[in-house]
Protein backbone atom coordinates (compact mmCIF):
# COMPACT_ATOMS: atom_id res chain seq x y z
CA MET A 1 13.05 36.24 -17.41
CA PRO A 2 10.49 33.55 -18.22
CA VAL A 3 8.09 34.21 -21.08
CA THR A 4 4.59 35.10 -19.89
CA ILE A 5 1.20 34.78 -21.52
CA ARG A 6 1.23 38.56 -21.91
CA ASP A 7 4.42 38.28 -23.97
CA VAL A 8 2.76 35.80 -26.30
CA ALA A 9 -0.33 37.99 -26.63
CA LYS A 10 1.75 41.09 -27.40
CA HIS A 11 3.83 39.19 -29.99
CA LEU A 12 0.67 38.08 -31.82
CA ASN A 13 -1.25 41.33 -31.27
CA LEU A 14 -4.01 39.38 -29.54
CA SER A 15 -5.73 39.85 -26.18
CA VAL A 16 -4.46 37.92 -23.17
CA THR A 17 -7.93 36.33 -22.89
CA THR A 18 -7.81 35.01 -26.44
CA VAL A 19 -4.32 33.54 -25.98
CA SER A 20 -5.33 31.98 -22.68
CA ARG A 21 -8.46 30.41 -24.11
CA ALA A 22 -6.60 29.19 -27.17
CA LEU A 23 -3.99 27.42 -25.03
CA ALA A 24 -6.74 25.97 -22.83
CA GLY A 25 -8.47 24.46 -25.89
CA HIS A 26 -11.76 26.37 -25.68
CA ASP A 27 -13.93 25.93 -28.77
CA ASP A 28 -14.81 29.63 -29.07
CA VAL A 29 -11.35 30.32 -30.51
CA ALA A 30 -10.88 29.74 -34.25
CA GLU A 31 -8.67 26.77 -35.10
CA SER A 32 -6.34 28.92 -37.19
CA THR A 33 -5.87 31.31 -34.26
CA ARG A 34 -5.30 28.42 -31.87
CA GLN A 35 -2.56 27.00 -34.06
CA ARG A 36 -0.88 30.44 -34.35
CA VAL A 37 -0.94 30.76 -30.55
CA ILE A 38 0.40 27.28 -29.93
CA LYS A 39 3.20 27.74 -32.47
CA ALA A 40 4.21 31.13 -31.08
CA ALA A 41 4.13 29.83 -27.48
CA GLN A 42 6.41 26.94 -28.42
CA GLU A 43 8.84 29.12 -30.33
CA MET A 44 9.00 31.68 -27.53
CA GLY A 45 9.43 29.02 -24.84
CA TYR A 46 6.24 29.83 -22.94
CA VAL A 47 5.42 27.34 -20.15
CA PRO A 48 2.16 27.82 -18.19
CA THR A 49 2.68 28.16 -14.45
CA HIS A 50 1.49 25.42 -12.15
CA ALA A 51 -0.89 27.85 -10.43
CA ALA A 52 -2.42 28.92 -13.73
CA ARG A 53 -2.89 25.32 -14.79
CA GLN A 54 -4.58 24.50 -11.49
CA LEU A 55 -6.93 27.46 -11.82
CA ARG A 56 -7.83 26.58 -15.39
CA ARG A 57 -8.54 22.95 -14.56
CA GLN A 58 -10.15 23.76 -11.20
CA ARG A 59 -7.93 21.19 -9.52
CA THR A 60 -5.09 21.38 -7.02
CA GLU A 61 -3.23 18.57 -8.83
CA THR A 62 -2.38 17.25 -5.39
CA ILE A 63 -3.36 13.94 -3.82
CA GLY A 64 -3.51 13.24 -0.11
CA LEU A 65 -2.09 10.39 1.93
CA VAL A 66 -2.87 10.44 5.64
CA PHE A 67 -0.75 8.15 7.78
CA PRO A 68 -2.91 5.90 9.97
CA THR A 69 -2.64 6.37 13.70
CA LEU A 70 -1.93 2.65 14.24
CA GLY A 71 1.57 1.20 14.18
CA SER A 72 5.10 2.46 13.71
CA ARG A 73 4.36 4.44 10.53
CA PHE A 74 7.64 6.22 9.68
CA SER A 75 9.83 3.33 10.84
CA ASP A 76 7.74 0.72 9.01
CA PRO A 77 9.43 -0.26 5.70
CA PHE A 78 6.00 -1.22 4.36
CA PHE A 79 4.90 2.42 4.43
CA SER A 80 8.25 3.62 3.05
CA GLU A 81 7.89 1.32 0.04
CA PHE A 82 4.26 2.19 -0.49
CA MET A 83 4.85 5.93 -0.25
CA ALA A 84 7.81 5.66 -2.65
CA GLY A 85 5.53 4.06 -5.24
CA VAL A 86 2.83 6.69 -4.75
CA GLY A 87 5.37 9.51 -4.85
CA ASP A 88 7.03 8.32 -8.05
CA GLU A 89 3.68 8.01 -9.80
CA THR A 90 2.45 11.42 -8.70
CA SER A 91 5.66 12.95 -9.99
CA ARG A 92 5.37 11.11 -13.30
CA SER A 93 1.79 12.37 -13.67
CA ASN A 94 2.72 15.99 -12.76
CA TYR A 95 0.83 15.84 -9.47
CA ASP A 96 2.03 16.65 -5.98
CA LEU A 97 1.75 14.37 -2.95
CA LEU A 98 0.61 15.81 0.37
CA VAL A 99 1.49 13.48 3.25
CA SER A 100 -0.27 14.31 6.48
CA VAL A 101 0.12 12.94 9.98
CA THR A 102 -2.56 13.28 12.62
CA SER A 103 -1.43 15.58 15.41
CA PRO A 104 -1.12 14.10 18.93
CA GLY A 105 -4.53 14.06 20.57
CA GLU A 106 -6.31 14.96 17.34
CA PRO A 107 -8.88 12.50 15.94
CA GLU A 108 -7.99 11.15 12.52
CA GLN A 109 -11.37 12.35 11.25
CA THR A 110 -10.32 15.95 11.94
CA THR A 111 -7.32 15.60 9.62
CA TYR A 112 -9.50 14.42 6.74
CA GLN A 113 -12.11 17.10 7.39
CA ARG A 114 -9.47 19.81 7.40
CA LEU A 115 -8.00 18.66 4.08
CA VAL A 116 -11.41 18.25 2.45
CA ASN A 117 -12.82 21.58 3.67
CA SER A 118 -9.72 23.51 2.63
CA ARG A 119 -9.76 21.82 -0.80
CA ARG A 120 -6.04 21.24 -0.56
CA VAL A 121 -6.20 17.88 -2.35
CA ASP A 122 -8.16 16.43 -5.26
CA GLY A 123 -8.48 12.97 -3.71
CA PHE A 124 -7.07 10.50 -1.21
CA ILE A 125 -5.18 7.22 -1.19
CA LEU A 126 -6.29 5.01 1.69
CA VAL A 127 -4.24 2.26 3.30
CA ARG A 128 -4.69 -0.18 6.21
CA MET A 129 -8.36 -0.59 5.50
CA ARG A 130 -10.83 -1.36 8.28
CA LEU A 131 -13.74 -3.76 8.00
CA ASP A 132 -16.09 -0.88 8.77
CA ASP A 133 -14.22 2.14 7.44
CA TRP A 134 -15.58 5.61 8.25
CA ARG A 135 -13.14 7.15 5.72
CA ILE A 136 -15.02 5.55 2.83
CA ARG A 137 -18.38 6.79 4.09
CA TYR A 138 -17.08 10.31 4.71
CA LEU A 139 -15.28 10.74 1.39
CA SER A 140 -18.21 9.24 -0.53
CA GLN A 141 -20.61 11.66 1.15
CA GLN A 142 -18.33 14.59 0.32
CA GLY A 143 -17.93 13.49 -3.30
CA VAL A 144 -14.14 13.28 -2.95
CA PRO A 145 -12.36 10.67 -5.13
CA PHE A 146 -10.31 7.98 -3.40
CA ALA A 147 -8.61 4.68 -4.11
CA SER A 148 -7.40 2.15 -1.57
CA PHE A 149 -4.81 -0.52 -0.94
CA GLY A 150 -7.14 -3.23 0.35
CA ARG A 151 -10.89 -3.39 0.67
CA SER A 152 -13.52 -2.77 3.29
CA GLN A 153 -17.00 -4.10 3.97
CA THR A 154 -18.29 -0.51 4.03
CA VAL A 155 -18.96 -0.43 0.27
CA GLU A 156 -18.77 -3.06 -2.44
CA ASN A 157 -17.15 -1.23 -5.31
CA ASN A 158 -14.68 1.44 -4.29
CA PRO A 159 -11.58 1.50 -6.54
CA SER A 160 -8.93 -0.62 -4.90
CA ILE A 161 -6.01 -2.97 -5.31
CA GLY A 162 -5.75 -5.83 -2.85
CA VAL A 163 -3.52 -8.80 -2.17
CA ASP A 164 -5.04 -12.17 -1.33
CA GLY A 165 -3.65 -12.43 2.18
CA ARG A 166 -5.93 -15.34 2.97
CA ALA A 167 -4.45 -17.48 0.18
CA GLY A 168 -0.93 -16.33 1.03
CA ILE A 169 -1.11 -17.36 4.68
CA GLN A 170 -2.86 -20.60 3.76
CA GLU A 171 0.09 -21.49 1.52
CA LEU A 172 2.51 -20.53 4.28
CA VAL A 173 0.76 -22.88 6.75
CA ARG A 174 0.94 -25.62 4.12
CA HIS A 175 4.70 -25.10 3.88
CA LEU A 176 5.14 -25.26 7.66
CA VAL A 177 3.10 -28.46 7.86
CA SER A 178 5.28 -29.97 5.13
CA MET A 179 8.28 -29.24 7.37
CA GLY A 180 6.71 -31.29 10.17
CA HIS A 181 5.07 -28.56 12.24
CA SER A 182 1.67 -29.04 13.85
CA ARG A 183 1.78 -26.50 16.70
CA ILE A 184 1.75 -23.36 14.59
CA ALA A 185 1.07 -20.03 16.30
CA PHE A 186 -0.30 -16.88 14.69
CA ILE A 187 0.43 -13.34 15.89
CA GLY A 188 -2.20 -11.06 14.38
CA ALA A 189 -3.25 -7.42 14.50
CA PRO A 190 -6.28 -5.45 15.75
CA ALA A 191 -9.42 -7.26 14.66
CA ASP A 192 -10.99 -4.25 12.94
CA LEU A 193 -8.39 -4.32 10.15
CA THR A 194 -9.31 -6.13 6.93
CA LEU A 195 -5.85 -7.66 6.66
CA SER A 196 -6.24 -9.09 10.16
CA ARG A 197 -9.44 -10.93 9.24
CA ASP A 198 -8.14 -12.16 5.90
CA ARG A 199 -4.82 -13.50 7.17
CA LEU A 200 -6.36 -15.11 10.24
CA ASN A 201 -8.86 -16.84 7.96
CA GLY A 202 -5.96 -18.08 5.83
CA TYR A 203 -4.27 -19.46 8.95
CA GLN A 204 -7.44 -21.35 9.89
CA ASP A 205 -7.87 -22.60 6.31
CA GLY A 206 -4.33 -23.96 6.34
CA LEU A 207 -4.92 -25.80 9.61
CA ASP A 208 -8.17 -27.25 8.28
CA ASP A 209 -6.43 -28.45 5.13
CA ALA A 210 -3.91 -30.32 7.26
CA GLY A 211 -6.50 -31.73 9.68
CA ILE A 212 -5.03 -29.76 12.59
CA ASP A 213 -7.46 -28.53 15.25
CA PHE A 214 -7.56 -24.78 15.81
CA ASP A 215 -6.11 -23.87 19.22
CA PRO A 216 -7.09 -20.36 20.39
CA ASN A 217 -4.14 -20.42 22.81
CA LEU A 218 -1.82 -20.24 19.81
CA VAL A 219 -3.35 -17.02 18.49
CA LEU A 220 -2.32 -13.68 19.99
CA GLN A 221 -2.95 -10.12 18.89
CA GLY A 222 0.00 -7.91 18.03
CA ASN A 223 0.16 -4.37 16.68
CA LEU A 224 2.11 -4.79 13.41
CA THR A 225 5.42 -3.77 15.05
CA ARG A 226 8.62 -5.53 16.11
CA THR A 227 7.77 -4.81 19.73
CA GLY A 228 4.35 -6.42 19.36
CA GLY A 229 5.88 -9.53 17.80
CA TYR A 230 8.57 -9.70 20.47
CA GLU A 231 6.15 -9.47 23.38
CA ALA A 232 3.65 -11.93 21.91
CA THR A 233 6.42 -14.46 21.23
CA LYS A 234 7.72 -14.18 24.77
CA THR A 235 4.23 -15.06 25.97
CA LEU A 236 3.95 -18.03 23.60
CA LEU A 237 7.34 -19.46 24.56
CA GLU A 238 6.52 -19.31 28.28
CA ARG A 239 3.54 -21.64 27.88
CA LYS A 240 3.63 -25.31 28.85
CA SER A 241 3.21 -26.38 25.24
CA PRO A 242 4.95 -23.69 23.17
CA PRO A 243 4.59 -23.63 19.39
CA SER A 244 7.19 -25.10 17.06
CA ALA A 245 6.40 -22.47 14.42
CA ILE A 246 5.18 -18.87 14.51
CA ILE A 247 3.55 -16.82 11.76
CA GLY A 248 3.70 -13.05 12.10
CA ILE A 249 0.93 -11.14 10.37
CA ASN A 250 3.64 -8.95 8.81
CA ASP A 251 7.41 -9.03 8.56
CA LEU A 252 7.99 -6.58 11.40
CA THR A 253 6.01 -8.83 13.73
CA ALA A 254 8.04 -11.84 12.58
CA LEU A 255 11.33 -9.99 13.05
CA GLY A 256 10.30 -9.19 16.62
CA SER A 257 9.48 -12.88 17.10
CA THR A 258 12.93 -13.83 15.83
CA ARG A 259 14.59 -11.64 18.43
CA ALA A 260 12.48 -13.09 21.24
CA ALA A 261 13.21 -16.67 20.17
CA GLN A 262 16.94 -16.02 19.95
CA GLU A 263 16.98 -14.39 23.38
CA SER A 264 15.33 -17.56 24.68
CA GLY A 265 18.26 -19.62 23.36
CA LEU A 266 16.45 -21.04 20.33
CA ILE A 267 18.03 -21.36 16.90
CA VAL A 268 15.51 -19.99 14.42
CA GLY A 269 15.12 -22.33 11.48
CA ARG A 270 16.13 -25.39 13.50
CA ASP A 271 14.53 -25.20 16.95
CA ILE A 272 11.62 -23.02 15.86
CA ALA A 273 10.30 -21.78 12.52
CA ILE A 274 9.27 -18.14 12.06
CA ALA A 275 7.69 -16.48 9.01
CA GLY A 276 6.09 -13.18 8.06
CA PHE A 277 4.19 -11.34 5.36
CA ASP A 278 5.11 -8.36 3.10
CA GLY A 279 8.55 -9.18 1.69
CA ILE A 280 10.27 -6.03 3.00
CA GLU A 281 13.99 -5.76 2.30
CA ALA A 282 14.88 -6.35 5.96
CA SER A 283 13.36 -9.84 5.75
CA GLU A 284 16.00 -10.92 3.23
CA HIS A 285 18.91 -9.58 5.31
CA SER A 286 17.77 -10.68 8.76
CA HIS A 287 19.60 -13.44 10.64
CA PRO A 288 18.53 -15.95 9.56
CA PRO A 289 16.83 -14.72 6.36
CA LEU A 290 13.08 -14.67 6.93
CA THR A 291 10.54 -16.77 5.09
CA THR A 292 7.84 -14.38 3.93
CA VAL A 293 4.78 -13.96 1.76
CA TYR A 294 5.80 -11.32 -0.77
CA GLN A 295 3.51 -8.58 -2.04
CA PRO A 296 4.74 -5.89 -4.51
CA VAL A 297 4.16 -2.91 -2.21
CA TYR A 298 6.00 -0.33 -4.34
CA ASP A 299 4.13 -1.31 -7.52
CA ILE A 300 0.82 -1.34 -5.70
CA GLY A 301 1.50 2.20 -4.48
CA ARG A 302 2.05 3.29 -8.08
CA LYS A 303 -1.05 1.54 -9.42
CA VAL A 304 -3.36 2.77 -6.66
CA CYS A 305 -2.14 6.26 -7.53
CA VAL A 306 -2.98 5.62 -11.22
CA MET A 307 -6.49 4.56 -10.17
CA LEU A 308 -6.99 7.77 -8.19
CA ILE A 309 -5.66 10.14 -10.85
CA THR A 310 -7.80 8.41 -13.47
CA GLN A 311 -10.87 9.25 -11.38
CA ILE A 312 -9.76 12.81 -10.68
CA GLU A 313 -9.35 13.48 -14.39
CA GLY A 314 -12.78 12.08 -15.18
CA ARG A 315 -11.56 9.09 -17.16
CA GLU A 316 -13.08 5.64 -16.95
CA LEU A 317 -11.29 3.01 -14.88
CA PRO A 318 -10.56 -0.16 -16.88
CA GLN A 319 -10.99 -2.16 -13.65
CA THR A 320 -12.47 -1.04 -10.36
CA HIS A 321 -10.83 -3.70 -8.23
CA LEU A 322 -7.78 -5.91 -8.61
CA LEU A 323 -6.95 -8.82 -6.30
CA LEU A 324 -3.35 -9.99 -6.63
CA LYS A 325 -1.93 -13.33 -5.56
CA PRO A 326 1.14 -13.00 -3.32
CA LYS A 327 4.21 -15.24 -3.58
CA LEU A 328 5.66 -17.44 -0.86
CA ILE A 329 9.43 -17.02 -0.54
CA VAL A 330 10.98 -19.74 1.60
CA ARG A 331 14.19 -18.88 3.43
CA GLN A 332 16.21 -20.31 6.30
CA SER A 333 13.95 -19.11 9.13
CA THR A 334 11.60 -22.03 8.44
CA MET A 335 14.09 -24.62 7.25
CA ASP A 336 16.99 -26.57 8.72
CA ARG A 337 20.12 -25.06 7.21
CA ASP A 338 21.23 -28.43 5.90
CA LEU A 339 18.10 -28.64 3.74
CA PRO A 340 17.78 -27.02 0.31
CA VAL A 341 15.12 -24.43 -0.43
CA HIS A 342 12.21 -25.93 -2.38
CA PRO A 343 12.79 -25.02 -6.06
CA GLN A 344 9.21 -23.81 -6.50
CA ASN A 345 9.70 -21.32 -3.66
CA ASP A 346 13.08 -19.83 -4.55
CA ASN A 347 14.03 -16.18 -4.51
CA SER A 348 13.47 -15.47 -8.19
CA GLU A 349 11.68 -12.29 -9.19
CA PRO A 350 7.90 -12.49 -8.68
CA GLU A 351 5.73 -12.77 -11.75
CA THR A 352 4.03 -9.78 -13.35
CA TYR A 353 1.06 -8.79 -11.20
CA PHE A 354 -0.74 -6.11 -13.17
CA PRO A 355 -2.73 -6.25 -16.41
CA SER A 356 -1.45 -4.09 -19.24
CA SER A 357 -4.30 -1.63 -18.71
CA LEU A 358 -2.67 -0.49 -15.47
CA GLU A 359 0.97 -0.61 -16.55
């Protein structure tokens, strides 16, 4: 049977309260007594239960991650990578991860309210940020810690890690222009998402840099899924002046575009260029391999989790916000197969993204 705190107390002829307070580090226990208790507990193999530790610290040692209602969620490799990073970091930090999905017909707000009111989690990780994000207002009002992947206009300084999607798409447009493209389409996402605004701005910046007029007929809204990319591409290809290149706001959108182009008899990489954003594993193994703007989703999941746990434990954050630069990875979906990949855009491992303070 496991050793209990009562066993330690009996062995030392001390009260359970004294042993408990000694192990908890309370200053009303003499240092000599504390050391005796700690030594005896170690020798006897006493390990405090998770429930006792939670009660002592007045924390659940659980963080919450609520899946957004938008998009494919469980089938989206972006979320799988992100959740893997969060999960590994919670485990390393001796926390639990509570993943919640909004029930059909239930407002997302209700899910957050239920978790906050029941005190089932110590804080939340937010993802797919909106320009005006009610989650930030609600959690701030309730005094619940949170950290986010991406930023919102709702507040200026919430702890977050972001990726410069604007610069990433701008560089991608520059690459497509260098390959001779001037009719470049963009398949976006709902306009209330921060990533939608940032990446659309990057697309427009890239066109401006090249002296190409913005054509609203080449911009369609998708929904961050393969199906959305497929349907939008079908629409683009049916127009009198179809694009010669298509940028998907994420890799799933671009993979849907690839399927639509191939069904239309086009050879992707030669007849039409297609590119995405995220750098999910499927982009490397698609046919042809997909040019993408890579962001370290797994590592970001881990570091956002570090930011949240740091707050929960009352420690000072070394940095409130980090903005990372993504990396363009050029593959065959935007290049004739007889042409070499530009050396500066090869498939080597991306550079280190995080400062040592968050490693």
